[in-house]
């Protein structure tokens, strides 16, 4: 229900995906020019560019998702819905995960073009990394987006909390992508995938349990 509302609004406006996707592409283009390193760029620079772009775009997506709930006192209406707070968290997290996935579908091909990445060879591994990284990003963003939704400097506070907590998953994604671009088979990504999977489960579970306290604070 909650996810359906967010997705229907996005389908009619395209605001979050367009803004976040454009920002992510801009980060990738600027980084490709600033950190050009010839043939070494594919393995040494491209992984960081991809995931930094996704991380920053995710902050925009999360912030705008919760900003909508502030408009016209929509948050109050959301909280009086006959559903549990955990269900509200799950719905918001699902919509954020979809938005982040769409941003990844935009920025990864752009980065692959800029850094001469062979997506035919690395595509399956990248898809697995994105699949495991996205739930953690969405859970952390949704949880702390709810915490900061009523604050004036919400974007600054959200970014200050979001990036440190996202560091384990983000670093695993970067390291896994670097390993993949170095020619390693997908099977060697198991440790990175496991770390991101555990991170996603922990924060999803924490979000369901803590969302009621944070949203009422």
N, C-alpha and C. Protein backbone atom coordinates (compact mmCIF):
# COMPACT_ATOMS: atom_id res chain seq x y z
N UNK A 1 0.83 -1.20 0.00
CA UNK A 1 0.00 0.00 0.00
C UNK A 1 0.87 1.26 0.00
N UNK A 2 1.82 1.34 0.94
CA UNK A 2 2.71 2.50 1.03
C UNK A 2 3.62 2.57 -0.19
N UNK A 3 4.21 1.43 -0.53
CA UNK A 3 5.08 1.39 -1.71
C UNK A 3 4.30 1.74 -2.97
N UNK A 4 3.08 1.24 -3.07
CA UNK A 4 2.26 1.53 -4.23
C UNK A 4 1.98 3.02 -4.37
N UNK A 5 1.74 3.69 -3.23
CA UNK A 5 1.52 5.14 -3.25
C UNK A 5 2.75 5.87 -3.77
N UNK A 6 3.92 5.53 -3.22
CA UNK A 6 5.15 6.19 -3.65
C UNK A 6 5.43 5.95 -5.13
N UNK A 7 5.21 4.72 -5.57
CA UNK A 7 5.50 4.39 -6.97
C UNK A 7 4.52 5.05 -7.92
N UNK A 8 3.26 5.15 -7.51
CA UNK A 8 2.28 5.81 -8.38
C UNK A 8 2.59 7.30 -8.53
N UNK A 9 3.04 7.93 -7.44
CA UNK A 9 3.44 9.34 -7.51
C UNK A 9 4.64 9.50 -8.43
N UNK A 10 5.59 8.58 -8.29
CA UNK A 10 6.79 8.66 -9.11
C UNK A 10 6.48 8.41 -10.58
N UNK A 11 5.55 7.53 -10.86
CA UNK A 11 5.18 7.27 -12.25
C UNK A 11 4.56 8.50 -12.90
N UNK A 12 3.85 9.29 -12.10
CA UNK A 12 3.20 10.48 -12.65
C UNK A 12 4.14 11.67 -12.75
N UNK A 13 5.17 11.71 -11.90
CA UNK A 13 6.09 12.86 -11.90
C UNK A 13 7.48 12.53 -12.42
N UNK A 14 7.98 11.33 -12.10
CA UNK A 14 9.34 10.95 -12.49
C UNK A 14 10.41 11.77 -11.79
N UNK A 15 10.03 12.44 -10.72
CA UNK A 15 10.92 13.42 -10.09
C UNK A 15 12.14 12.79 -9.44
N UNK A 16 11.95 11.75 -8.64
CA UNK A 16 13.06 11.19 -7.86
C UNK A 16 14.07 10.51 -8.77
N UNK A 17 13.60 9.64 -9.65
CA UNK A 17 14.52 8.89 -10.51
C UNK A 17 15.24 9.84 -11.47
N UNK A 18 14.52 10.82 -12.01
CA UNK A 18 15.15 11.76 -12.94
C UNK A 18 16.23 12.57 -12.25
N UNK A 19 15.90 13.14 -11.09
CA UNK A 19 16.86 13.97 -10.37
C UNK A 19 18.05 13.16 -9.88
N UNK A 20 17.77 12.03 -9.24
CA UNK A 20 18.84 11.20 -8.69
C UNK A 20 19.69 10.60 -9.80
N UNK A 21 19.04 10.15 -10.87
CA UNK A 21 19.78 9.58 -11.98
C UNK A 21 20.68 10.58 -12.66
N UNK A 22 20.17 11.80 -12.86
CA UNK A 22 20.98 12.85 -13.47
C UNK A 22 22.18 13.18 -12.59
N UNK A 23 21.95 13.27 -11.28
CA UNK A 23 23.04 13.57 -10.36
C UNK A 23 24.10 12.47 -10.39
N UNK A 24 23.66 11.21 -10.39
CA UNK A 24 24.59 10.09 -10.41
C UNK A 24 25.43 10.10 -11.69
N UNK A 25 24.79 10.37 -12.81
CA UNK A 25 25.51 10.45 -14.08
C UNK A 25 26.51 11.59 -14.07
N UNK A 26 26.11 12.71 -13.50
CA UNK A 26 27.02 13.87 -13.42
C UNK A 26 28.25 13.54 -12.58
N UNK A 27 28.03 12.85 -11.46
CA UNK A 27 29.16 12.43 -10.61
C UNK A 27 30.09 11.51 -11.40
N UNK A 28 29.52 10.56 -12.13
CA UNK A 28 30.33 9.62 -12.90
C UNK A 28 31.14 10.32 -13.99
N UNK A 29 30.53 11.27 -14.68
CA UNK A 29 31.22 11.98 -15.75
C UNK A 29 32.36 12.82 -15.19
N UNK A 30 32.08 13.58 -14.13
CA UNK A 30 33.11 14.43 -13.53
C UNK A 30 34.26 13.58 -13.00
N UNK A 31 33.94 12.48 -12.33
CA UNK A 31 34.99 11.61 -11.78
C UNK A 31 35.82 10.98 -12.88
N UNK A 32 35.19 10.63 -13.99
CA UNK A 32 35.93 10.01 -15.09
C UNK A 32 36.94 10.99 -15.68
N UNK A 33 36.60 12.27 -15.66
CA UNK A 33 37.52 13.29 -16.18
C UNK A 33 38.59 13.65 -15.14
N UNK A 34 38.19 13.70 -13.87
CA UNK A 34 39.12 14.13 -12.83
C UNK A 34 40.13 13.06 -12.47
N UNK A 35 39.72 11.79 -12.55
CA UNK A 35 40.58 10.71 -12.10
C UNK A 35 40.99 9.78 -13.25
N UNK A 36 41.11 10.33 -14.42
CA UNK A 36 41.51 9.52 -15.56
C UNK A 36 42.89 8.91 -15.33
N UNK A 37 42.98 7.59 -15.50
CA UNK A 37 44.26 6.91 -15.25
C UNK A 37 44.56 5.89 -16.34
N UNK A 38 44.12 6.16 -17.56
CA UNK A 38 44.42 5.27 -18.67
C UNK A 38 43.79 3.90 -18.49
N UNK A 39 44.53 2.87 -18.83
CA UNK A 39 44.03 1.51 -18.75
C UNK A 39 43.75 1.07 -17.33
N UNK A 40 44.42 1.68 -16.35
CA UNK A 40 44.22 1.29 -14.96
C UNK A 40 42.90 1.80 -14.39
N UNK A 41 42.28 2.75 -15.07
CA UNK A 41 41.06 3.37 -14.54
C UNK A 41 39.93 2.37 -14.37
N UNK A 42 39.85 1.40 -15.28
CA UNK A 42 38.75 0.44 -15.22
C UNK A 42 38.72 -0.28 -13.89
N UNK A 43 39.85 -0.73 -13.41
CA UNK A 43 39.88 -1.47 -12.15
C UNK A 43 40.05 -0.57 -10.93
N UNK A 44 40.83 0.49 -11.04
CA UNK A 44 41.17 1.28 -9.87
C UNK A 44 40.22 2.43 -9.59
N UNK A 45 39.58 2.97 -10.60
CA UNK A 45 38.74 4.15 -10.43
C UNK A 45 37.26 3.85 -10.60
N UNK A 46 36.91 3.07 -11.62
CA UNK A 46 35.51 2.82 -11.94
C UNK A 46 34.69 2.27 -10.78
N UNK A 47 35.19 1.30 -9.98
CA UNK A 47 34.37 0.79 -8.87
C UNK A 47 33.96 1.88 -7.89
N UNK A 48 34.91 2.72 -7.51
CA UNK A 48 34.59 3.79 -6.59
C UNK A 48 33.61 4.79 -7.18
N UNK A 49 33.79 5.11 -8.45
CA UNK A 49 32.91 6.06 -9.12
C UNK A 49 31.47 5.55 -9.12
N UNK A 50 31.30 4.29 -9.47
CA UNK A 50 29.95 3.71 -9.54
C UNK A 50 29.25 3.80 -8.20
N UNK A 51 29.92 3.36 -7.13
CA UNK A 51 29.23 3.27 -5.85
C UNK A 51 29.14 4.59 -5.11
N UNK A 52 30.08 5.49 -5.34
CA UNK A 52 29.93 6.84 -4.78
C UNK A 52 28.74 7.55 -5.44
N UNK A 53 28.63 7.39 -6.75
CA UNK A 53 27.49 7.99 -7.45
C UNK A 53 26.17 7.42 -6.94
N UNK A 54 26.12 6.11 -6.75
CA UNK A 54 24.89 5.48 -6.24
C UNK A 54 24.59 5.96 -4.82
N UNK A 55 25.61 6.07 -3.97
CA UNK A 55 25.41 6.48 -2.59
C UNK A 55 24.87 7.90 -2.50
N UNK A 56 25.48 8.82 -3.24
CA UNK A 56 25.02 10.21 -3.19
C UNK A 56 23.63 10.35 -3.79
N UNK A 57 23.37 9.64 -4.87
CA UNK A 57 22.04 9.68 -5.47
C UNK A 57 20.99 9.10 -4.53
N UNK A 58 21.39 8.11 -3.74
CA UNK A 58 20.47 7.50 -2.78
C UNK A 58 20.03 8.49 -1.71
N UNK A 59 20.96 9.35 -1.28
CA UNK A 59 20.59 10.38 -0.30
C UNK A 59 19.52 11.30 -0.87
N UNK A 60 19.69 11.68 -2.13
CA UNK A 60 18.68 12.52 -2.78
C UNK A 60 17.33 11.80 -2.85
N UNK A 61 17.36 10.53 -3.22
CA UNK A 61 16.13 9.76 -3.35
C UNK A 61 15.42 9.62 -2.02
N UNK A 62 16.18 9.28 -0.98
CA UNK A 62 15.59 9.12 0.35
C UNK A 62 15.02 10.44 0.86
N UNK A 63 15.82 11.50 0.71
CA UNK A 63 15.37 12.80 1.19
C UNK A 63 14.10 13.25 0.52
N UNK A 64 14.01 13.05 -0.79
CA UNK A 64 12.81 13.48 -1.50
C UNK A 64 11.62 12.60 -1.17
N UNK A 65 11.85 11.31 -0.94
CA UNK A 65 10.76 10.41 -0.58
C UNK A 65 10.10 10.86 0.72
N UNK A 66 10.93 11.21 1.71
CA UNK A 66 10.36 11.65 2.99
C UNK A 66 9.87 13.09 2.93
N UNK A 67 10.45 13.91 2.07
CA UNK A 67 9.96 15.27 1.90
C UNK A 67 8.50 15.27 1.45
N UNK A 68 8.15 14.32 0.61
CA UNK A 68 6.76 14.21 0.17
C UNK A 68 5.82 13.98 1.35
N UNK A 69 6.29 13.25 2.36
CA UNK A 69 5.44 12.99 3.51
C UNK A 69 5.25 14.23 4.39
N UNK A 70 6.17 15.19 4.27
CA UNK A 70 6.03 16.44 5.02
C UNK A 70 5.02 17.38 4.38
N UNK A 71 4.85 17.27 3.10
CA UNK A 71 3.98 18.18 2.37
C UNK A 71 2.52 17.91 2.69
N UNK A 72 1.78 18.98 2.98
CA UNK A 72 0.34 18.90 3.27
C UNK A 72 0.05 17.93 4.42
N UNK A 73 1.01 17.80 5.34
CA UNK A 73 0.83 16.95 6.53
C UNK A 73 0.51 15.50 6.16
N UNK A 74 1.12 15.04 5.06
CA UNK A 74 0.86 13.67 4.61
C UNK A 74 1.37 12.64 5.61
N UNK A 75 2.40 13.00 6.39
CA UNK A 75 2.95 12.06 7.35
C UNK A 75 1.92 11.67 8.40
N UNK A 76 1.13 12.65 8.85
CA UNK A 76 0.09 12.35 9.84
C UNK A 76 -0.92 11.36 9.27
N UNK A 77 -1.28 11.56 8.00
CA UNK A 77 -2.20 10.62 7.37
C UNK A 77 -1.60 9.24 7.22
N UNK A 78 -0.29 9.18 6.96
CA UNK A 78 0.38 7.90 6.83
C UNK A 78 0.36 7.14 8.16
N UNK A 79 0.55 7.87 9.26
CA UNK A 79 0.65 7.22 10.57
C UNK A 79 -0.70 6.75 11.10
N UNK A 80 -1.80 7.31 10.62
CA UNK A 80 -3.11 6.87 11.10
C UNK A 80 -3.70 5.76 10.23
N UNK A 81 -2.96 5.34 9.23
CA UNK A 81 -3.42 4.23 8.41
C UNK A 81 -3.52 2.96 9.25
N UNK A 82 -4.50 2.09 8.97
CA UNK A 82 -4.69 0.87 9.77
C UNK A 82 -3.68 -0.22 9.43
N UNK A 83 -2.41 0.13 9.48
CA UNK A 83 -1.34 -0.83 9.25
C UNK A 83 -0.28 -0.63 10.31
N UNK A 84 0.53 -1.65 10.54
CA UNK A 84 1.57 -1.55 11.55
C UNK A 84 2.69 -0.62 11.09
N UNK A 85 3.43 -0.11 12.07
CA UNK A 85 4.57 0.75 11.73
C UNK A 85 5.62 -0.04 10.94
N UNK A 86 5.76 -1.31 11.26
CA UNK A 86 6.70 -2.15 10.51
C UNK A 86 6.32 -2.26 9.04
N UNK A 87 5.01 -2.32 8.78
CA UNK A 87 4.55 -2.39 7.39
C UNK A 87 4.82 -1.08 6.66
N UNK A 88 4.67 0.04 7.37
CA UNK A 88 4.99 1.33 6.76
C UNK A 88 6.47 1.40 6.41
N UNK A 89 7.32 0.95 7.35
CA UNK A 89 8.75 0.93 7.07
C UNK A 89 9.05 0.06 5.86
N UNK A 90 8.46 -1.12 5.82
CA UNK A 90 8.71 -2.04 4.70
C UNK A 90 8.29 -1.42 3.37
N UNK A 91 7.13 -0.75 3.37
CA UNK A 91 6.65 -0.13 2.14
C UNK A 91 7.56 0.98 1.67
N UNK A 92 8.00 1.83 2.61
CA UNK A 92 8.91 2.91 2.23
C UNK A 92 10.25 2.34 1.76
N UNK A 93 10.74 1.32 2.44
CA UNK A 93 12.02 0.72 2.05
C UNK A 93 11.94 0.08 0.67
N UNK A 94 10.82 -0.56 0.37
CA UNK A 94 10.66 -1.17 -0.96
C UNK A 94 10.68 -0.10 -2.05
N UNK A 95 9.97 0.99 -1.82
CA UNK A 95 9.95 2.05 -2.83
C UNK A 95 11.33 2.67 -3.01
N UNK A 96 12.06 2.88 -1.90
CA UNK A 96 13.42 3.42 -2.00
C UNK A 96 14.33 2.45 -2.74
N UNK A 97 14.19 1.15 -2.44
CA UNK A 97 15.01 0.14 -3.12
C UNK A 97 14.76 0.15 -4.62
N UNK A 98 13.51 0.34 -5.02
CA UNK A 98 13.19 0.40 -6.46
C UNK A 98 13.81 1.64 -7.08
N UNK A 99 13.73 2.77 -6.39
CA UNK A 99 14.33 4.00 -6.92
C UNK A 99 15.84 3.85 -7.07
N UNK A 100 16.49 3.26 -6.06
CA UNK A 100 17.94 3.07 -6.10
C UNK A 100 18.31 2.11 -7.23
N UNK A 101 17.53 1.07 -7.40
CA UNK A 101 17.78 0.12 -8.49
C UNK A 101 17.71 0.80 -9.85
N UNK A 102 16.72 1.67 -10.03
CA UNK A 102 16.60 2.40 -11.29
C UNK A 102 17.80 3.32 -11.52
N UNK A 103 18.28 3.95 -10.43
CA UNK A 103 19.48 4.79 -10.55
C UNK A 103 20.68 3.93 -10.95
N UNK A 104 20.80 2.75 -10.35
CA UNK A 104 21.91 1.85 -10.70
C UNK A 104 21.82 1.44 -12.17
N UNK A 105 20.61 1.21 -12.65
CA UNK A 105 20.45 0.83 -14.06
C UNK A 105 20.85 1.97 -15.00
N UNK A 106 20.83 3.19 -14.49
CA UNK A 106 21.25 4.34 -15.29
C UNK A 106 22.76 4.53 -15.21
N UNK A 107 23.29 4.55 -13.97
CA UNK A 107 24.69 4.96 -13.78
C UNK A 107 25.68 3.86 -14.16
N UNK A 108 25.34 2.60 -13.98
CA UNK A 108 26.30 1.55 -14.29
C UNK A 108 26.63 1.50 -15.79
N UNK A 109 25.64 1.53 -16.69
CA UNK A 109 26.00 1.56 -18.12
C UNK A 109 26.79 2.81 -18.50
N UNK A 110 26.45 3.96 -17.89
CA UNK A 110 27.20 5.18 -18.19
C UNK A 110 28.64 5.04 -17.75
N UNK A 111 28.84 4.54 -16.53
CA UNK A 111 30.21 4.35 -16.03
C UNK A 111 30.95 3.32 -16.87
N UNK A 112 30.24 2.28 -17.29
CA UNK A 112 30.87 1.26 -18.14
C UNK A 112 31.34 1.87 -19.46
N UNK A 113 30.55 2.77 -20.01
CA UNK A 113 30.93 3.45 -21.25
C UNK A 113 32.14 4.36 -21.02
N UNK A 114 32.13 5.10 -19.93
CA UNK A 114 33.21 6.05 -19.65
C UNK A 114 34.54 5.36 -19.34
N UNK A 115 34.47 4.18 -18.71
CA UNK A 115 35.68 3.49 -18.28
C UNK A 115 35.97 2.23 -19.07
N UNK A 116 35.27 2.05 -20.18
CA UNK A 116 35.51 0.90 -21.06
C UNK A 116 35.36 -0.43 -20.33
N UNK A 117 34.30 -0.56 -19.56
CA UNK A 117 34.01 -1.80 -18.85
C UNK A 117 33.20 -2.72 -19.75
N UNK A 118 33.59 -3.97 -19.81
CA UNK A 118 32.87 -4.95 -20.62
C UNK A 118 31.71 -5.50 -19.81
N UNK A 119 30.51 -4.97 -20.05
CA UNK A 119 29.34 -5.41 -19.28
C UNK A 119 28.90 -6.83 -19.64
N UNK A 120 29.26 -7.29 -20.81
CA UNK A 120 28.93 -8.68 -21.17
C UNK A 120 29.64 -9.65 -20.23
N UNK A 121 30.89 -9.32 -19.91
CA UNK A 121 31.68 -10.18 -19.03
C UNK A 121 31.38 -9.93 -17.56
N UNK A 122 31.25 -8.67 -17.17
CA UNK A 122 31.11 -8.33 -15.75
C UNK A 122 29.67 -8.10 -15.32
N UNK A 123 28.75 -8.04 -16.28
CA UNK A 123 27.35 -7.73 -15.96
C UNK A 123 26.72 -8.62 -14.90
N UNK A 124 26.82 -9.95 -15.01
CA UNK A 124 26.21 -10.81 -13.98
C UNK A 124 26.76 -10.56 -12.58
N UNK A 125 28.06 -10.37 -12.47
CA UNK A 125 28.65 -10.09 -11.16
C UNK A 125 28.19 -8.75 -10.62
N UNK A 126 28.13 -7.73 -11.48
CA UNK A 126 27.65 -6.42 -11.06
C UNK A 126 26.19 -6.49 -10.61
N UNK A 127 25.40 -7.28 -11.32
CA UNK A 127 23.99 -7.43 -10.95
C UNK A 127 23.86 -8.04 -9.56
N UNK A 128 24.69 -9.03 -9.27
CA UNK A 128 24.66 -9.64 -7.94
C UNK A 128 25.07 -8.65 -6.85
N UNK A 129 26.11 -7.88 -7.11
CA UNK A 129 26.57 -6.88 -6.14
C UNK A 129 25.48 -5.84 -5.90
N UNK A 130 24.84 -5.38 -6.96
CA UNK A 130 23.77 -4.39 -6.80
C UNK A 130 22.58 -4.99 -6.07
N UNK A 131 22.27 -6.24 -6.38
CA UNK A 131 21.13 -6.91 -5.75
C UNK A 131 21.31 -7.03 -4.25
N UNK A 132 22.53 -7.29 -3.81
CA UNK A 132 22.80 -7.44 -2.37
C UNK A 132 23.05 -6.10 -1.69
N UNK A 133 23.56 -5.12 -2.41
CA UNK A 133 23.84 -3.81 -1.80
C UNK A 133 22.58 -2.98 -1.63
N UNK A 134 21.65 -3.07 -2.55
CA UNK A 134 20.49 -2.18 -2.57
C UNK A 134 19.59 -2.31 -1.34
N UNK A 135 19.27 -3.51 -0.85
CA UNK A 135 18.41 -3.58 0.35
C UNK A 135 19.02 -2.89 1.56
N UNK A 136 20.33 -3.00 1.75
CA UNK A 136 20.97 -2.31 2.87
C UNK A 136 20.89 -0.81 2.73
N UNK A 137 21.14 -0.32 1.50
CA UNK A 137 21.03 1.13 1.25
C UNK A 137 19.61 1.61 1.54
N UNK A 138 18.63 0.87 1.06
CA UNK A 138 17.23 1.27 1.25
C UNK A 138 16.83 1.22 2.72
N UNK A 139 17.26 0.19 3.44
CA UNK A 139 16.88 0.05 4.85
C UNK A 139 17.48 1.17 5.69
N UNK A 140 18.77 1.44 5.51
CA UNK A 140 19.42 2.51 6.26
C UNK A 140 18.80 3.86 5.92
N UNK A 141 18.60 4.11 4.64
CA UNK A 141 18.03 5.39 4.22
C UNK A 141 16.63 5.59 4.75
N UNK A 142 15.80 4.56 4.70
CA UNK A 142 14.43 4.67 5.18
C UNK A 142 14.38 4.88 6.68
N UNK A 143 15.20 4.14 7.41
CA UNK A 143 15.20 4.23 8.87
C UNK A 143 15.60 5.62 9.34
N UNK A 144 16.69 6.13 8.81
CA UNK A 144 17.18 7.42 9.29
C UNK A 144 16.53 8.59 8.55
N UNK A 145 15.92 8.32 7.40
CA UNK A 145 15.09 9.34 6.77
C UNK A 145 13.88 9.64 7.63
N UNK A 146 13.32 8.60 8.26
CA UNK A 146 12.20 8.79 9.18
C UNK A 146 12.64 9.58 10.41
N UNK A 147 13.85 9.33 10.88
CA UNK A 147 14.36 10.01 12.07
C UNK A 147 14.55 11.50 11.82
N UNK A 148 14.92 11.87 10.60
CA UNK A 148 15.25 13.27 10.30
C UNK A 148 14.14 14.01 9.59
N UNK A 149 13.01 13.37 9.34
CA UNK A 149 11.98 13.98 8.50
C UNK A 149 11.43 15.26 9.11
N UNK A 150 11.45 15.38 10.44
CA UNK A 150 10.88 16.57 11.08
C UNK A 150 11.94 17.62 11.41
N UNK A 151 13.19 17.34 11.13
CA UNK A 151 14.25 18.30 11.46
C UNK A 151 14.40 19.32 10.34
N UNK A 152 14.88 20.51 10.68
CA UNK A 152 15.05 21.55 9.67
C UNK A 152 16.20 21.23 8.72
N UNK A 153 17.32 20.84 9.29
CA UNK A 153 18.50 20.52 8.46
C UNK A 153 18.50 19.03 8.15
N UNK A 154 17.38 18.52 7.68
CA UNK A 154 17.21 17.07 7.53
C UNK A 154 18.19 16.47 6.51
N UNK A 155 18.48 17.18 5.41
CA UNK A 155 19.38 16.62 4.41
C UNK A 155 20.80 16.48 4.97
N UNK A 156 21.24 17.49 5.72
CA UNK A 156 22.57 17.44 6.32
C UNK A 156 22.65 16.34 7.37
N UNK A 157 21.63 16.27 8.22
CA UNK A 157 21.61 15.25 9.28
C UNK A 157 21.54 13.85 8.67
N UNK A 158 20.70 13.70 7.64
CA UNK A 158 20.57 12.39 6.99
C UNK A 158 21.90 11.94 6.41
N UNK A 159 22.57 12.83 5.68
CA UNK A 159 23.86 12.47 5.08
C UNK A 159 24.90 12.15 6.15
N UNK A 160 24.88 12.90 7.26
CA UNK A 160 25.86 12.70 8.33
C UNK A 160 25.71 11.33 8.97
N UNK A 161 24.48 10.84 9.04
CA UNK A 161 24.23 9.52 9.64
C UNK A 161 24.31 8.41 8.60
N UNK A 162 23.82 8.71 7.42
CA UNK A 162 23.68 7.71 6.36
C UNK A 162 25.01 7.13 5.91
N UNK A 163 25.97 7.99 5.58
CA UNK A 163 27.22 7.51 5.00
C UNK A 163 28.07 6.69 5.95
N UNK A 164 28.24 7.09 7.23
CA UNK A 164 29.02 6.22 8.13
C UNK A 164 28.40 4.84 8.31
N UNK A 165 27.08 4.78 8.44
CA UNK A 165 26.43 3.49 8.64
C UNK A 165 26.44 2.64 7.37
N UNK A 166 26.48 3.31 6.23
CA UNK A 166 26.49 2.58 4.97
C UNK A 166 27.89 2.09 4.59
N UNK A 167 28.90 2.56 5.32
CA UNK A 167 30.29 2.27 4.96
C UNK A 167 30.59 0.78 4.77
N UNK A 168 30.17 -0.13 5.68
CA UNK A 168 30.50 -1.55 5.46
C UNK A 168 29.98 -2.10 4.14
N UNK A 169 28.74 -1.81 3.84
CA UNK A 169 28.15 -2.31 2.59
C UNK A 169 28.78 -1.63 1.38
N UNK A 170 29.01 -0.33 1.49
CA UNK A 170 29.58 0.42 0.37
C UNK A 170 31.01 -0.02 0.08
N UNK A 171 31.81 -0.21 1.13
CA UNK A 171 33.19 -0.66 0.94
C UNK A 171 33.24 -2.07 0.35
N UNK A 172 32.32 -2.93 0.80
CA UNK A 172 32.26 -4.28 0.25
C UNK A 172 31.88 -4.24 -1.23
N UNK A 173 30.95 -3.36 -1.59
CA UNK A 173 30.55 -3.23 -2.99
C UNK A 173 31.70 -2.74 -3.85
N UNK A 174 32.45 -1.75 -3.34
CA UNK A 174 33.59 -1.23 -4.09
C UNK A 174 34.67 -2.30 -4.25
N UNK A 175 34.99 -2.98 -3.15
CA UNK A 175 36.02 -4.02 -3.20
C UNK A 175 35.61 -5.16 -4.12
N UNK A 176 34.34 -5.56 -4.03
CA UNK A 176 33.85 -6.63 -4.90
C UNK A 176 33.88 -6.24 -6.37
N UNK A 177 33.51 -5.00 -6.66
CA UNK A 177 33.54 -4.52 -8.03
C UNK A 177 34.96 -4.44 -8.56
N UNK A 178 35.89 -4.00 -7.72
CA UNK A 178 37.30 -3.95 -8.14
C UNK A 178 37.82 -5.36 -8.44
N UNK A 179 37.46 -6.31 -7.60
CA UNK A 179 37.87 -7.70 -7.83
C UNK A 179 37.28 -8.21 -9.15
N UNK A 180 36.02 -7.89 -9.38
CA UNK A 180 35.35 -8.33 -10.60
C UNK A 180 36.00 -7.71 -11.83
N UNK A 181 36.28 -6.41 -11.78
CA UNK A 181 36.90 -5.74 -12.92
C UNK A 181 38.35 -6.17 -13.13
N UNK A 182 38.94 -6.76 -12.10
CA UNK A 182 40.30 -7.27 -12.23
C UNK A 182 40.36 -8.61 -12.93
N UNK A 183 39.21 -9.16 -13.30
CA UNK A 183 39.18 -10.42 -14.03
C UNK A 183 38.80 -11.62 -13.21
N UNK A 184 38.47 -11.43 -11.92
CA UNK A 184 38.12 -12.56 -11.07
C UNK A 184 36.74 -13.10 -11.44
N UNK A 185 36.53 -14.39 -11.27
CA UNK A 185 35.21 -14.96 -11.55
C UNK A 185 34.20 -14.54 -10.49
N UNK A 186 32.93 -14.66 -10.82
CA UNK A 186 31.87 -14.25 -9.90
C UNK A 186 31.93 -15.02 -8.59
N UNK A 187 32.40 -16.26 -8.63
CA UNK A 187 32.47 -17.08 -7.42
C UNK A 187 33.35 -16.46 -6.34
N UNK A 188 34.34 -15.66 -6.74
CA UNK A 188 35.23 -15.05 -5.76
C UNK A 188 34.61 -13.85 -5.05
N UNK A 189 33.40 -13.49 -5.42
CA UNK A 189 32.71 -12.37 -4.78
C UNK A 189 31.91 -12.80 -3.56
N UNK A 190 31.97 -14.08 -3.22
CA UNK A 190 31.09 -14.62 -2.17
C UNK A 190 31.22 -13.87 -0.86
N UNK A 191 32.42 -13.59 -0.41
CA UNK A 191 32.62 -12.91 0.87
C UNK A 191 31.99 -11.52 0.86
N UNK A 192 32.16 -10.80 -0.23
CA UNK A 192 31.58 -9.46 -0.32
C UNK A 192 30.06 -9.53 -0.35
N UNK A 193 29.54 -10.47 -1.10
CA UNK A 193 28.09 -10.64 -1.17
C UNK A 193 27.51 -11.03 0.19
N UNK A 194 28.23 -11.89 0.90
CA UNK A 194 27.77 -12.30 2.22
C UNK A 194 27.73 -11.11 3.18
N UNK A 195 28.76 -10.28 3.16
CA UNK A 195 28.81 -9.12 4.04
C UNK A 195 27.66 -8.16 3.74
N UNK A 196 27.41 -7.90 2.47
CA UNK A 196 26.31 -7.00 2.12
C UNK A 196 24.96 -7.61 2.48
N UNK A 197 24.83 -8.92 2.31
CA UNK A 197 23.59 -9.58 2.67
C UNK A 197 23.31 -9.50 4.16
N UNK A 198 24.33 -9.74 4.97
CA UNK A 198 24.17 -9.64 6.43
C UNK A 198 23.82 -8.21 6.83
N UNK A 199 24.50 -7.24 6.23
CA UNK A 199 24.24 -5.84 6.50
C UNK A 199 22.77 -5.50 6.19
N UNK A 200 22.29 -5.95 5.05
CA UNK A 200 20.91 -5.68 4.68
C UNK A 200 19.92 -6.30 5.64
N UNK A 201 20.16 -7.54 6.06
CA UNK A 201 19.27 -8.22 6.99
C UNK A 201 19.25 -7.51 8.34
N UNK A 202 20.43 -7.15 8.84
CA UNK A 202 20.53 -6.49 10.14
C UNK A 202 19.75 -5.19 10.16
N UNK A 203 19.95 -4.35 9.14
CA UNK A 203 19.30 -3.04 9.15
C UNK A 203 17.82 -3.13 8.78
N UNK A 204 17.45 -4.11 8.01
CA UNK A 204 16.02 -4.31 7.75
C UNK A 204 15.31 -4.73 9.02
N UNK A 205 15.91 -5.66 9.75
CA UNK A 205 15.34 -6.11 11.03
C UNK A 205 15.29 -4.97 12.04
N UNK A 206 16.39 -4.20 12.11
CA UNK A 206 16.43 -3.05 13.02
C UNK A 206 15.39 -2.02 12.63
N UNK A 207 15.21 -1.81 11.35
CA UNK A 207 14.24 -0.84 10.89
C UNK A 207 12.82 -1.20 11.29
N UNK A 208 12.46 -2.47 11.11
CA UNK A 208 11.12 -2.91 11.48
C UNK A 208 10.90 -2.74 12.99
N UNK A 209 11.96 -3.03 13.77
CA UNK A 209 11.82 -2.94 15.23
C UNK A 209 11.87 -1.52 15.77
N UNK A 210 12.66 -0.65 15.14
CA UNK A 210 12.89 0.70 15.68
C UNK A 210 12.09 1.79 15.01
N UNK A 211 11.43 1.47 13.92
CA UNK A 211 10.75 2.50 13.14
C UNK A 211 9.68 3.21 13.95
N UNK A 212 8.96 2.46 14.76
CA UNK A 212 7.89 3.06 15.57
C UNK A 212 8.45 4.13 16.50
N UNK A 213 9.59 3.86 17.13
CA UNK A 213 10.18 4.82 18.05
C UNK A 213 10.69 6.05 17.32
N UNK A 214 11.31 5.85 16.16
CA UNK A 214 11.90 6.97 15.43
C UNK A 214 10.85 7.87 14.80
N UNK A 215 9.80 7.29 14.27
CA UNK A 215 8.79 8.08 13.57
C UNK A 215 7.92 8.87 14.54
N UNK A 216 7.84 8.41 15.78
CA UNK A 216 7.04 9.11 16.78
C UNK A 216 7.86 10.11 17.57
N UNK A 217 9.21 10.07 17.40
CA UNK A 217 10.07 10.94 18.20
C UNK A 217 9.89 12.41 17.84
